[in-house]
C-alpha atoms as a PDB file:
ATOM      1  CA  MET A   1       0.000   0.000   0.000  1.00  0.00           C
ATOM      2  CA  GLN A   2       1.426   3.371  -1.077  1.00  0.00           C
ATOM      3  CA  LEU A   3       1.580   5.999   1.620  1.00  0.00           C
ATOM      4  CA  ARG A   4       0.687   9.575   0.765  1.00  0.00           C
ATOM      5  CA  ALA A   5       2.146  12.568   2.553  1.00  0.00           C
ATOM      6  CA  ARG A   6      -0.307  14.230   4.874  1.00  0.00           C
ATOM      7  CA  PHE A   7       1.660  17.477   4.968  1.00  0.00           C
ATOM      8  CA  PRO A   8       2.709  19.811   2.140  1.00  0.00           C
ATOM      9  CA  ILE A   9       6.316  19.583   0.991  1.00  0.00           C
ATOM     10  CA  TYR A  10       8.475  22.571   1.951  1.00  0.00           C
ATOM     11  CA  ALA A  11      11.392  24.001  -0.022  1.00  0.00           C
ATOM     12  CA  LYS A  12      14.066  26.561   0.824  1.00  0.00           C
ATOM     13  CA  VAL A  13      14.112  29.559  -1.473  1.00  0.00           C
ATOM     14  CA  LEU A  14      17.006  32.072  -1.121  1.00  0.00           C
ATOM     15  CA  VAL A  15      15.560  35.514  -1.821  1.00  0.00           C
ATOM     16  CA  LYS A  16      17.614  37.670   0.524  1.00  0.00           C
ATOM     17  CA  PRO A  17      20.555  37.007   2.840  1.00  0.00           C
ATOM     18  CA  ASN A  18      17.997  35.469   5.241  1.00  0.00           C
ATOM     19  CA  ILE A  19      16.668  32.004   4.343  1.00  0.00           C
ATOM     20  CA  CYS A  20      12.903  31.706   4.090  1.00  0.00           C
ATOM     21  CA  ILE A  21      10.905  28.472   4.047  1.00  0.00           C
ATOM     22  CA  ARG A  22       7.883  28.477   1.780  1.00  0.00           C
ATOM     23  CA  PRO A  23       5.575  25.735   0.522  1.00  0.00           C
ATOM     24  CA  VAL A  24       6.377  24.334  -2.910  1.00  0.00           C
ATOM     25  CA  SER A  25       2.995  25.479  -4.108  1.00  0.00           C
ATOM     26  CA  SER A  26       4.030  29.167  -3.523  1.00  0.00           C
ATOM     27  CA  THR A  27       7.325  29.011  -5.538  1.00  0.00           C
ATOM     28  CA  PRO A  28       5.806  30.550  -8.747  1.00  0.00           C
ATOM     29  CA  THR A  29       4.644  33.499  -6.656  1.00  0.00           C
ATOM     30  CA  VAL A  30       8.188  34.058  -5.318  1.00  0.00           C
ATOM     31  CA  LEU A  31       9.666  33.914  -8.811  1.00  0.00           C
ATOM     32  CA  LYS A  32       7.086  36.399 -10.018  1.00  0.00           C
ATOM     33  CA  GLU A  33       7.970  38.779  -7.199  1.00  0.00           C
ATOM     34  CA  ILE A  34      11.687  38.552  -8.106  1.00  0.00           C
ATOM     35  CA  GLN A  35      10.965  39.191 -11.776  1.00  0.00           C
ATOM     36  CA  THR A  36       8.724  42.125 -10.918  1.00  0.00           C
ATOM     37  CA  LYS A  37      11.436  43.707  -8.703  1.00  0.00           C
ATOM     38  CA  SER A  38      14.097  43.169 -11.390  1.00  0.00           C
ATOM     39  CA  GLN A  39      11.896  44.784 -14.033  1.00  0.00           C
ATOM     40  CA  ARG A  40      11.179  47.720 -11.706  1.00  0.00           C
ATOM     41  CA  ASP A  41      14.950  48.273 -11.177  1.00  0.00           C
ATOM     42  CA  LYS A  42      15.546  48.201 -14.938  1.00  0.00           C
ATOM     43  CA  ASP A  43      12.753  50.722 -15.530  1.00  0.00           C
ATOM     44  CA  GLN A  44      14.171  53.038 -12.848  1.00  0.00           C
ATOM     45  CA  HIS A  45      17.703  52.801 -14.318  1.00  0.00           C
ATOM     46  CA  ALA A  46      16.370  53.542 -17.799  1.00  0.00           C
ATOM     47  CA  LEU A  47      14.474  56.575 -16.461  1.00  0.00           C
ATOM     48  CA  GLN A  48      17.607  57.970 -14.767  1.00  0.00           C
ATOM     49  CA  LYS A  49      19.669  57.414 -17.924  1.00  0.00           C
ATOM     50  CA  SER A  50      17.028  59.165 -20.000  1.00  0.00           C
ATOM     51  CA  VAL A  51      17.036  62.188 -17.659  1.00  0.00           C
ATOM     52  CA  LEU A  52      20.857  62.449 -17.819  1.00  0.00           C
ATOM     53  CA  GLU A  53      20.838  62.195 -21.598  1.00  0.00           C
ATOM     54  CA  ASP A  54      18.277  64.981 -21.758  1.00  0.00           C
ATOM     55  CA  ILE A  55      20.475  67.178 -19.561  1.00  0.00           C
ATOM     56  CA  PHE A  56      23.706  66.667 -21.523  1.00  0.00           C
ATOM     57  CA  THR A  57      22.216  66.544 -25.003  1.00  0.00           C
ATOM     58  CA  GLU A  58      19.818  69.432 -24.624  1.00  0.00           C
ATOM     59  CA  HIS A  59      20.115  71.782 -27.590  1.00  0.00           C
ATOM     60  CA  LYS A  60      19.298  75.415 -27.135  1.00  0.00           C
ATOM     61  CA  GLU A  61      16.798  76.640 -29.651  1.00  0.00           C
ATOM     62  CA  ALA A  62      18.206  79.323 -31.915  1.00  0.00           C
ATOM     63  CA  PRO A  63      16.652  82.765 -31.398  1.00  0.00           C
ATOM     64  CA  LYS A  64      14.261  83.868 -34.110  1.00  0.00           C
ATOM     65  CA  THR A  65      13.840  87.567 -33.339  1.00  0.00           C
ATOM     66  CA  PHE A  66      16.386  90.270 -34.227  1.00  0.00           C
ATOM     67  CA  ALA A  67      16.821  91.197 -30.547  1.00  0.00           C
ATOM     68  CA  GLY A  68      17.473  87.583 -29.591  1.00  0.00           C
ATOM     69  CA  LYS A  69      20.003  87.144 -32.370  1.00  0.00           C
ATOM     70  CA  ALA A  70      21.763  90.375 -31.404  1.00  0.00           C
ATOM     71  CA  LYS A  71      21.926  89.307 -27.773  1.00  0.00           C
ATOM     72  CA  GLU A  72      23.346  85.907 -28.710  1.00  0.00           C
ATOM     73  CA  ALA A  73      25.942  87.533 -30.994  1.00  0.00           C
ATOM     74  CA  THR A  74      26.993  89.879 -28.162  1.00  0.00           C
ATOM     75  CA  VAL A  75      27.406  86.987 -25.724  1.00  0.00           C
ATOM     76  CA  ASN A  76      29.395  84.954 -28.266  1.00  0.00           C
ATOM     77  CA  SER A  77      31.632  87.944 -29.050  1.00  0.00           C
ATOM     78  CA  PHE A  78      32.317  88.412 -25.340  1.00  0.00           C
ATOM     79  CA  TRP A  79      33.398  84.795 -24.883  1.00  0.00           C
ATOM     80  CA  TYR A  80      35.506  84.887 -28.048  1.00  0.00           C
ATOM     81  CA  ALA A  81      37.221  88.019 -26.765  1.00  0.00           C
ATOM     82  CA  CYS A  82      37.885  86.332 -23.407  1.00  0.00           C
ATOM     83  CA  LEU A  83      39.337  83.310 -25.184  1.00  0.00           C
ATOM     84  CA  ALA A  84      41.562  85.468 -27.397  1.00  0.00           C
ATOM     85  CA  ALA A  85      42.780  87.463 -24.373  1.00  0.00           C
ATOM     86  CA  SER A  86      43.563  84.241 -22.500  1.00  0.00           C
ATOM     87  CA  VAL A  87      45.546  82.846 -25.432  1.00  0.00           C
ATOM     88  CA  ALA A  88      47.447  86.126 -25.843  1.00  0.00           C
ATOM     89  CA  GLY A  89      48.221  86.208 -22.117  1.00  0.00           C
ATOM     90  CA  LEU A  90      49.460  82.625 -22.208  1.00  0.00           C
ATOM     91  CA  ILE A  91      51.716  83.350 -25.195  1.00  0.00           C
ATOM     92  CA  GLY A  92      53.091  86.438 -23.450  1.00  0.00           C
ATOM     93  CA  LEU A  93      53.790  84.448 -20.300  1.00  0.00           C
ATOM     94  CA  ILE A  94      55.593  81.705 -22.259  1.00  0.00           C
ATOM     95  CA  TYR A  95      57.667  84.333 -24.078  1.00  0.00           C
ATOM     96  CA  THR A  96      58.609  86.100 -20.829  1.00  0.00           C
ATOM     97  CA  VAL A  97      59.566  82.867 -19.075  1.00  0.00           C
ATOM     98  CA  GLY A  98      61.500  81.643 -22.106  1.00  0.00           C
ATOM     99  CA  LYS A  99      63.392  84.917 -22.403  1.00  0.00           C
ATOM    100  CA  GLU A 100      64.159  84.917 -18.676  1.00  0.00           C
ATOM    101  CA  PHE A 101      65.623  81.424 -18.677  1.00  0.00           C
ATOM    102  CA  PHE A 102      66.876  80.901 -22.257  1.00  0.00           C
ATOM    103  CA  GLY A 103      67.654  84.363 -23.715  1.00  0.00           C
ATOM    104  CA  ASN A 104      71.247  85.486 -24.252  1.00  0.00           C
ATOM    105  CA  ASP A 105      70.678  88.284 -21.732  1.00  0.00           C
ATOM    106  CA  SER A 106      69.143  85.936 -19.172  1.00  0.00           C
ATOM    107  CA  PRO A 107      71.054  86.035 -15.854  1.00  0.00           C
ATOM    108  CA  GLN A 108      70.924  82.244 -15.658  1.00  0.00           C
ATOM    109  CA  VAL A 109      72.387  81.827 -19.154  1.00  0.00           C
ATOM    110  CA  VAL A 110      75.098  84.449 -18.566  1.00  0.00           C
ATOM    111  CA  PHE A 111      75.936  82.836 -15.223  1.00  0.00           C
ATOM    112  CA  SER A 112      76.290  79.328 -16.700  1.00  0.00           C
ATOM    113  CA  LYS A 113      78.401  80.375 -19.699  1.00  0.00           C
ATOM    114  CA  SER A 114      80.664  82.768 -17.814  1.00  0.00           C
ATOM    115  CA  LEU A 115      81.195  80.289 -14.953  1.00  0.00           C
ATOM    116  CA  LYS A 116      82.420  77.685 -17.434  1.00  0.00           C
ATOM    117  CA  MET A 117      84.962  80.168 -18.755  1.00  0.00           C
ATOM    118  CA  VAL A 118      86.053  81.032 -15.200  1.00  0.00           C
ATOM    119  CA  LYS A 119      86.468  77.377 -14.228  1.00  0.00           C
ATOM    120  CA  ASP A 120      88.585  76.672 -17.329  1.00  0.00           C
ATOM    121  CA  HIS A 121      90.916  79.630 -16.779  1.00  0.00           C
ATOM    122  CA  GLU A 122      94.395  78.465 -15.681  1.00  0.00           C
ATOM    123  CA  GLU A 123      95.147  81.485 -13.466  1.00  0.00           C
ATOM    124  CA  VAL A 124      91.818  81.120 -11.655  1.00  0.00           C
ATOM    125  CA  ILE A 125      92.510  77.436 -11.018  1.00  0.00           C
ATOM    126  CA  ARG A 126      95.990  78.258  -9.701  1.00  0.00           C
ATOM    127  CA  ILE A 127      94.675  80.826  -7.190  1.00  0.00           C
ATOM    128  CA  PHE A 128      91.360  79.227  -6.133  1.00  0.00           C
ATOM    129  CA  GLY A 129      92.205  75.544  -6.514  1.00  0.00           C
ATOM    130  CA  GLU A 130      90.289  72.699  -8.101  1.00  0.00           C
ATOM    131  CA  GLY A 131      86.538  72.021  -7.803  1.00  0.00           C
ATOM    132  CA  ILE A 132      85.399  75.619  -8.353  1.00  0.00           C
ATOM    133  CA  ALA A 133      81.661  76.178  -7.823  1.00  0.00           C
ATOM    134  CA  GLY A 134      79.569  79.296  -8.446  1.00  0.00           C
ATOM    135  CA  PHE A 135      76.547  80.572  -6.522  1.00  0.00           C
ATOM    136  CA  GLY A 136      74.471  83.689  -5.866  1.00  0.00           C
ATOM    137  CA  GLU A 137      74.288  86.004  -2.886  1.00  0.00           C
ATOM    138  CA  GLU A 138      74.259  84.562   0.635  1.00  0.00           C
ATOM    139  CA  ASN A 139      72.252  85.825   3.605  1.00  0.00           C
ATOM    140  CA  SER A 140      73.316  85.884   7.252  1.00  0.00           C
ATOM    141  CA  ARG A 141      72.247  82.255   7.700  1.00  0.00           C
ATOM    142  CA  GLY A 142      74.361  81.074   4.793  1.00  0.00           C
ATOM    143  CA  ARG A 143      71.385  80.453   2.509  1.00  0.00           C
ATOM    144  CA  ARG A 144      72.028  81.246  -1.137  1.00  0.00           C
ATOM    145  CA  LYS A 145      69.683  83.617  -2.913  1.00  0.00           C
ATOM    146  CA  ALA A 146      69.154  84.662  -6.521  1.00  0.00           C
ATOM    147  CA  LEU A 147      71.896  86.069  -8.726  1.00  0.00           C
ATOM    148  CA  LYS A 148      72.591  89.780  -8.454  1.00  0.00           C
ATOM    149  CA  SER A 149      72.031  91.392 -11.866  1.00  0.00           C
ATOM    150  CA  GLN A 150      71.262  94.846 -13.217  1.00  0.00           C
ATOM    151  CA  LYS A 151      70.452  96.290 -16.632  1.00  0.00           C
ATOM    152  CA  TYR A 152      71.536  99.852 -17.426  1.00  0.00           C
ATOM    153  CA  GLU A 153      72.370 102.164 -20.342  1.00  0.00           C
ATOM    154  CA  GLN A 154      75.713 103.778 -21.058  1.00  0.00           C
ATOM    155  CA  ASP A 155      76.959 105.594 -24.174  1.00  0.00           C
ATOM    156  CA  GLY A 156      73.628 104.835 -25.855  1.00  0.00           C
ATOM    157  CA  GLN A 157      74.092 101.090 -25.384  1.00  0.00           C
ATOM    158  CA  GLU A 158      71.998  98.687 -23.314  1.00  0.00           C
ATOM    159  CA  ARG A 159      74.177  96.790 -20.853  1.00  0.00           C
ATOM    160  CA  LEU A 160      73.895  94.020 -18.296  1.00  0.00           C
ATOM    161  CA  ARG A 161      76.017  93.539 -15.205  1.00  0.00           C
ATOM    162  CA  LEU A 162      75.985  90.283 -13.252  1.00  0.00           C
ATOM    163  CA  GLU A 163      77.759  89.448 -10.028  1.00  0.00           C
ATOM    164  CA  TYR A 164      78.141  86.090  -8.272  1.00  0.00           C
ATOM    165  CA  HIS A 165      80.517  84.210  -6.003  1.00  0.00           C
ATOM    166  CA  ILE A 166      82.881  81.292  -6.534  1.00  0.00           C
ATOM    167  CA  LYS A 167      84.544  78.891  -4.138  1.00  0.00           C
ATOM    168  CA  GLY A 168      87.464  76.572  -4.795  1.00  0.00           C
ATOM    169  CA  ALA A 169      89.535  74.210  -2.702  1.00  0.00           C
ATOM    170  CA  ILE A 170      91.845  77.082  -1.636  1.00  0.00           C
ATOM    171  CA  ARG A 171      90.010  80.409  -1.722  1.00  0.00           C
ATOM    172  CA  ARG A 172      86.754  82.237  -2.341  1.00  0.00           C
ATOM    173  CA  GLY A 173      86.114  85.135  -4.669  1.00  0.00           C
ATOM    174  CA  THR A 174      83.662  87.321  -6.591  1.00  0.00           C
ATOM    175  CA  VAL A 175      83.009  87.320 -10.336  1.00  0.00           C
ATOM    176  CA  THR A 176      81.727  90.413 -12.166  1.00  0.00           C
ATOM    177  CA  VAL A 177      80.392  90.026 -15.712  1.00  0.00           C
ATOM    178  CA  ASP A 178      79.567  93.033 -17.900  1.00  0.00           C
ATOM    179  CA  MET A 179      77.819  92.710 -21.277  1.00  0.00           C
ATOM    180  CA  GLY A 180      76.671  95.114 -23.978  1.00  0.00           C
ATOM    181  CA  ASN A 181      73.949  94.876 -26.603  1.00  0.00           C
ATOM    182  CA  ASP A 182      75.477  95.777 -29.966  1.00  0.00           C
ATOM    183  CA  ALA A 183      72.912  95.814 -32.807  1.00  0.00           C
ATOM    184  CA  GLY A 184      70.802  93.154 -31.099  1.00  0.00           C
ATOM    185  CA  THR A 185      73.743  90.904 -30.177  1.00  0.00           C
ATOM    186  CA  TRP A 186      74.875  90.561 -26.585  1.00  0.00           C
ATOM    187  CA  ASP A 187      78.680  90.630 -26.261  1.00  0.00           C
ATOM    188  CA  TYR A 188      80.938  90.206 -23.233  1.00  0.00           C
ATOM    189  CA  ARG A 189      82.692  93.440 -22.335  1.00  0.00           C
ATOM    190  CA  TYR A 190      84.672  91.864 -19.511  1.00  0.00           C
ATOM    191  CA  ILE A 191      84.707  89.046 -16.954  1.00  0.00           C
ATOM    192  CA  VAL A 192      86.822  89.783 -13.906  1.00  0.00           C
ATOM    193  CA  VAL A 193      87.478  87.599 -10.846  1.00  0.00           C
ATOM    194  CA  LYS A 194      88.602  89.046  -7.524  1.00  0.00           C
ATOM    195  CA  THR A 195      89.608  87.209  -4.348  1.00  0.00           C
ATOM    196  CA  ASP A 196      87.647  87.932  -1.174  1.00  0.00           C
ATOM    197  CA  SER A 197      90.591  87.588   1.234  1.00  0.00           C
ATOM    198  CA  ARG A 198      94.068  89.103   1.368  1.00  0.00           C
ATOM    199  CA  PRO A 199      96.243  89.234  -0.520  1.00  0.00           C
ATOM    200  CA  ILE A 200      93.678  90.663  -2.967  1.00  0.00           C
ATOM    201  CA  GLU A 201      94.273  89.332  -6.463  1.00  0.00           C
ATOM    202  CA  THR A 202      92.395  90.203  -9.660  1.00  0.00           C
ATOM    203  CA  ILE A 203      92.197  87.971 -12.731  1.00  0.00           C
ATOM    204  CA  MET A 204      90.878  89.348 -16.019  1.00  0.00           C
ATOM    205  CA  VAL A 205      89.253  86.337 -17.695  1.00  0.00           C
ATOM    206  CA  VAL A 206      87.781  88.315 -20.635  1.00  0.00           C
ATOM    207  CA  ASP A 207      88.457  91.929 -21.641  1.00  0.00           C
ATOM    208  CA  ASN A 208      86.693  93.122 -24.804  1.00  0.00           C
ATOM    209  CA  ARG A 209      86.607  96.824 -24.013  1.00  0.00           C
ATOM    210  CA  GLY A 210      88.968  97.362 -26.953  1.00  0.00           C
ATOM    211  CA  PRO A 211      88.134  96.903 -30.656  1.00  0.00           C
ATOM    212  CA  ARG A 212      88.019  93.060 -30.347  1.00  0.00           C
ATOM    213  CA  LYS A 213      84.738  91.461 -29.207  1.00  0.00           C
ATOM    214  CA  PHE A 214      83.828  88.073 -27.833  1.00  0.00           C
ATOM    215  CA  LEU A 215      80.351  87.040 -28.896  1.00  0.00           C
ATOM    216  CA  ILE A 216      78.100  85.211 -26.427  1.00  0.00           C
END
């Protein structure tokens, strides 16, 4: 004789992190609820996406009246002028920075080129020793500051004077560089090195104050 179950069969259905026990007969209802929730989430996501697309792809309707067109043209001209001014300012800034750091009359360029000439000079090496290094002004705490430079005019010629310090294994000294602008070309007038301690000694590294010139 076949025995029939007197009680309904139960099944475990995992809907959420908690485990629920429902009768087998109610399983289609659970699946329907899951499908309904999934469809509702999709509809909500599609609605949000549609709203965002409307925001970012909204096209402003072109004005039809003369006053509206004139107003739009004025606004556009203002923004174009702002853009042009910004570009011009950026170009001017790049030119100024480039001239300051890479021009022949740039203190940094004059310092680097003249220091190389000083370090290669035999008399300077003899007096100051090997391992000569150059640097700018120093404050009371020994911190080194920017190079000391000055532009001036003399005899109708634009000139540049630069001063910095050097230190070798034996002594310390000061270097003075003077340049002149001759027809757009910057030339060394002289480079002179002077010791800071006694006995005071002066070395003329370059002297172009005569008819001969040394081009930078």
